Amino acid sequence: MLVGVQRIFLMPFAEVYPAYVNKVERKQRSVDELNQVILWLTGFTENEFQQQLKSQCTIEEFFGAARINPNASLITGSVCGVKIQEIDDPLMLKIRYLDKLVDELAKGRPMEKILRSGA
């Protein structure tokens, strides 16, 4: 049996994505905004992202194919009680970056701040 973290890595991203959609829609944010955040972090084009969803790739494969935004290192704070800056595992760090961005979107943070484009 796989341990929790390994199990997360092997989950299809397409099974996690609807939870992100539900979270942001409950807070009156749009799927387009969610996708904008995901594309910013991963470097995927819209078409590449849709192909990733259709392919049923694992979370590990999804982030393995991503070109993580260089400004992702500006994402700080805590997710699930863990400080992002203290995460050692590179894959878990990418997952938590996305979790943090989705949290910020759901909390109504302005898009330019979420995407770390404001000075």
C-alpha atoms as a PDB file:
ATOM      1  CA  MET A   1       0.000   0.000   0.000  1.00  0.00           C
ATOM      2  CA  LEU A   2       1.269   3.461  -0.892  1.00  0.00           C
ATOM      3  CA  VAL A   3       1.903   6.083   1.746  1.00  0.00           C
ATOM      4  CA  GLY A   4      -0.188   9.276   1.602  1.00  0.00           C
ATOM      5  CA  VAL A   5       2.289  11.462  -0.265  1.00  0.00           C
ATOM      6  CA  GLN A   6       3.083   8.807  -2.860  1.00  0.00           C
ATOM      7  CA  ARG A   7      -0.649   8.248  -3.360  1.00  0.00           C
ATOM      8  CA  ILE A   8      -1.166  11.962  -4.030  1.00  0.00           C
ATOM      9  CA  PHE A   9       1.615  11.976  -6.628  1.00  0.00           C
ATOM     10  CA  LEU A  10      -0.047   9.090  -8.475  1.00  0.00           C
ATOM     11  CA  MET A  11      -3.555  10.572  -8.535  1.00  0.00           C
ATOM     12  CA  PRO A  12      -4.762  11.703 -11.953  1.00  0.00           C
ATOM     13  CA  PHE A  13      -4.650  15.505 -12.124  1.00  0.00           C
ATOM     14  CA  ALA A  14      -8.038  15.362 -13.878  1.00  0.00           C
ATOM     15  CA  GLU A  15      -9.524  13.959 -10.644  1.00  0.00           C
ATOM     16  CA  VAL A  16      -8.112  16.815  -8.542  1.00  0.00           C
ATOM     17  CA  TYR A  17      -9.053  19.603 -10.958  1.00  0.00           C
ATOM     18  CA  PRO A  18     -12.838  19.457 -10.225  1.00  0.00           C
ATOM     19  CA  ALA A  19     -12.103  20.121  -6.532  1.00  0.00           C
ATOM     20  CA  TYR A  20     -10.252  23.288  -7.537  1.00  0.00           C
ATOM     21  CA  VAL A  21     -13.172  24.267  -9.788  1.00  0.00           C
ATOM     22  CA  ASN A  22     -15.683  23.719  -6.965  1.00  0.00           C
ATOM     23  CA  LYS A  23     -13.585  25.709  -4.510  1.00  0.00           C
ATOM     24  CA  VAL A  24     -13.292  28.798  -6.700  1.00  0.00           C
ATOM     25  CA  GLU A  25     -16.876  28.685  -8.007  1.00  0.00           C
ATOM     26  CA  ARG A  26     -18.230  28.528  -4.435  1.00  0.00           C
ATOM     27  CA  LYS A  27     -16.454  31.852  -3.892  1.00  0.00           C
ATOM     28  CA  GLN A  28     -17.811  33.426  -7.102  1.00  0.00           C
ATOM     29  CA  ARG A  29     -14.568  33.102  -9.053  1.00  0.00           C
ATOM     30  CA  SER A  30     -14.570  31.614 -12.555  1.00  0.00           C
ATOM     31  CA  VAL A  31     -13.075  28.531 -14.158  1.00  0.00           C
ATOM     32  CA  ASP A  32     -11.350  30.909 -16.596  1.00  0.00           C
ATOM     33  CA  GLU A  33      -9.620  32.608 -13.659  1.00  0.00           C
ATOM     34  CA  LEU A  34      -8.642  29.220 -12.230  1.00  0.00           C
ATOM     35  CA  ASN A  35      -7.217  28.157 -15.576  1.00  0.00           C
ATOM     36  CA  GLN A  36      -5.333  31.448 -15.857  1.00  0.00           C
ATOM     37  CA  VAL A  37      -3.683  30.715 -12.496  1.00  0.00           C
ATOM     38  CA  ILE A  38      -2.825  27.139 -13.525  1.00  0.00           C
ATOM     39  CA  LEU A  39      -1.401  28.276 -16.874  1.00  0.00           C
ATOM     40  CA  TRP A  40       0.670  30.981 -15.162  1.00  0.00           C
ATOM     41  CA  LEU A  41       2.189  28.468 -12.738  1.00  0.00           C
ATOM     42  CA  THR A  42       2.750  25.599 -15.169  1.00  0.00           C
ATOM     43  CA  GLY A  43       3.674  27.436 -18.359  1.00  0.00           C
ATOM     44  CA  PHE A  44       1.181  25.314 -20.303  1.00  0.00           C
ATOM     45  CA  THR A  45      -0.793  26.819 -23.157  1.00  0.00           C
ATOM     46  CA  GLU A  46      -4.566  26.380 -22.923  1.00  0.00           C
ATOM     47  CA  ASN A  47      -4.330  23.569 -25.488  1.00  0.00           C
ATOM     48  CA  GLU A  48      -1.496  21.826 -23.618  1.00  0.00           C
ATOM     49  CA  PHE A  49      -3.456  22.107 -20.375  1.00  0.00           C
ATOM     50  CA  GLN A  50      -6.581  20.596 -21.927  1.00  0.00           C
ATOM     51  CA  GLN A  51      -4.461  17.740 -23.323  1.00  0.00           C
ATOM     52  CA  GLN A  52      -3.048  17.118 -19.843  1.00  0.00           C
ATOM     53  CA  LEU A  53      -6.587  16.873 -18.446  1.00  0.00           C
ATOM     54  CA  LYS A  54      -7.709  14.509 -21.224  1.00  0.00           C
ATOM     55  CA  SER A  55      -4.645  12.286 -20.910  1.00  0.00           C
ATOM     56  CA  GLN A  56      -5.480  11.321 -17.306  1.00  0.00           C
ATOM     57  CA  CYS A  57      -1.830  11.935 -16.401  1.00  0.00           C
ATOM     58  CA  THR A  58      -0.834  11.681 -12.755  1.00  0.00           C
ATOM     59  CA  ILE A  59      -0.059  14.744 -10.679  1.00  0.00           C
ATOM     60  CA  GLU A  60       3.592  13.733 -10.914  1.00  0.00           C
ATOM     61  CA  GLU A  61       3.420  13.594 -14.726  1.00  0.00           C
ATOM     62  CA  PHE A  62       1.432  16.845 -14.874  1.00  0.00           C
ATOM     63  CA  PHE A  63       4.038  18.799 -12.934  1.00  0.00           C
ATOM     64  CA  GLY A  64       6.861  16.905 -14.652  1.00  0.00           C
ATOM     65  CA  ALA A  65       5.681  18.299 -17.995  1.00  0.00           C
ATOM     66  CA  ALA A  66       5.180  21.811 -16.585  1.00  0.00           C
ATOM     67  CA  ARG A  67       7.539  24.727 -17.053  1.00  0.00           C
ATOM     68  CA  ILE A  68       7.123  26.283 -13.612  1.00  0.00           C
ATOM     69  CA  ASN A  69       6.975  30.074 -13.655  1.00  0.00           C
ATOM     70  CA  PRO A  70      10.220  31.583 -12.305  1.00  0.00           C
ATOM     71  CA  ASN A  71       8.126  33.889 -10.093  1.00  0.00           C
ATOM     72  CA  ALA A  72       6.607  30.860  -8.327  1.00  0.00           C
ATOM     73  CA  SER A  73       9.340  31.262  -5.723  1.00  0.00           C
ATOM     74  CA  LEU A  74       7.528  34.455  -4.655  1.00  0.00           C
ATOM     75  CA  ILE A  75       4.616  32.310  -3.417  1.00  0.00           C
ATOM     76  CA  THR A  76       4.885  32.190   0.366  1.00  0.00           C
ATOM     77  CA  GLY A  77       2.696  31.471   3.341  1.00  0.00           C
ATOM     78  CA  SER A  78       1.096  28.297   4.638  1.00  0.00           C
ATOM     79  CA  VAL A  79      -1.033  25.619   3.025  1.00  0.00           C
ATOM     80  CA  CYS A  80      -2.625  22.903   5.141  1.00  0.00           C
ATOM     81  CA  GLY A  81      -0.616  24.184   8.112  1.00  0.00           C
ATOM     82  CA  VAL A  82       2.737  23.798   6.352  1.00  0.00           C
ATOM     83  CA  LYS A  83       4.899  26.778   5.412  1.00  0.00           C
ATOM     84  CA  ILE A  84       5.624  26.657   1.695  1.00  0.00           C
ATOM     85  CA  GLN A  85       9.189  27.838   2.310  1.00  0.00           C
ATOM     86  CA  GLU A  86       9.826  24.724   4.452  1.00  0.00           C
ATOM     87  CA  ILE A  87       8.781  22.122   1.861  1.00  0.00           C
ATOM     88  CA  ASP A  88      11.803  20.131   0.691  1.00  0.00           C
ATOM     89  CA  ASP A  89      10.239  17.764  -1.849  1.00  0.00           C
ATOM     90  CA  PRO A  90      10.246  19.532  -5.265  1.00  0.00           C
ATOM     91  CA  LEU A  91       7.008  17.887  -6.444  1.00  0.00           C
ATOM     92  CA  MET A  92       5.147  18.584  -3.203  1.00  0.00           C
ATOM     93  CA  LEU A  93       6.362  22.184  -3.425  1.00  0.00           C
ATOM     94  CA  LYS A  94       4.780  22.556  -6.892  1.00  0.00           C
ATOM     95  CA  ILE A  95       1.532  21.003  -5.642  1.00  0.00           C
ATOM     96  CA  ARG A  96       1.445  23.395  -2.690  1.00  0.00           C
ATOM     97  CA  TYR A  97       2.208  26.359  -4.946  1.00  0.00           C
ATOM     98  CA  LEU A  98      -0.932  25.511  -6.896  1.00  0.00           C
ATOM     99  CA  ASP A  99      -2.945  24.933  -3.714  1.00  0.00           C
ATOM    100  CA  LYS A 100      -1.861  28.343  -2.408  1.00  0.00           C
ATOM    101  CA  LEU A 101      -2.757  30.100  -5.667  1.00  0.00           C
ATOM    102  CA  VAL A 102      -6.198  28.450  -5.679  1.00  0.00           C
ATOM    103  CA  ASP A 103      -6.698  29.491  -2.034  1.00  0.00           C
ATOM    104  CA  GLU A 104      -5.807  33.078  -2.897  1.00  0.00           C
ATOM    105  CA  LEU A 105      -8.188  33.047  -5.862  1.00  0.00           C
ATOM    106  CA  ALA A 106     -11.004  31.665  -3.709  1.00  0.00           C
ATOM    107  CA  LYS A 107     -10.341  34.318  -1.059  1.00  0.00           C
ATOM    108  CA  GLY A 108     -10.884  37.072  -3.614  1.00  0.00           C
ATOM    109  CA  ARG A 109      -7.303  38.247  -3.959  1.00  0.00           C
ATOM    110  CA  PRO A 110      -6.777  40.394  -7.080  1.00  0.00           C
ATOM    111  CA  MET A 111      -5.430  38.434 -10.049  1.00  0.00           C
ATOM    112  CA  GLU A 112      -2.361  40.668 -10.488  1.00  0.00           C
ATOM    113  CA  LYS A 113      -1.318  39.857  -6.900  1.00  0.00           C
ATOM    114  CA  ILE A 114      -2.026  36.131  -7.312  1.00  0.00           C
ATOM    115  CA  LEU A 115       0.126  36.037 -10.436  1.00  0.00           C
ATOM    116  CA  ARG A 116       2.931  37.892  -8.640  1.00  0.00           C
ATOM    117  CA  SER A 117       3.011  40.538 -11.343  1.00  0.00           C
ATOM    118  CA  GLY A 118       2.587  43.570  -9.096  1.00  0.00           C
ATOM    119  CA  ALA A 119       5.676  45.294  -7.796  1.00  0.00           C
END
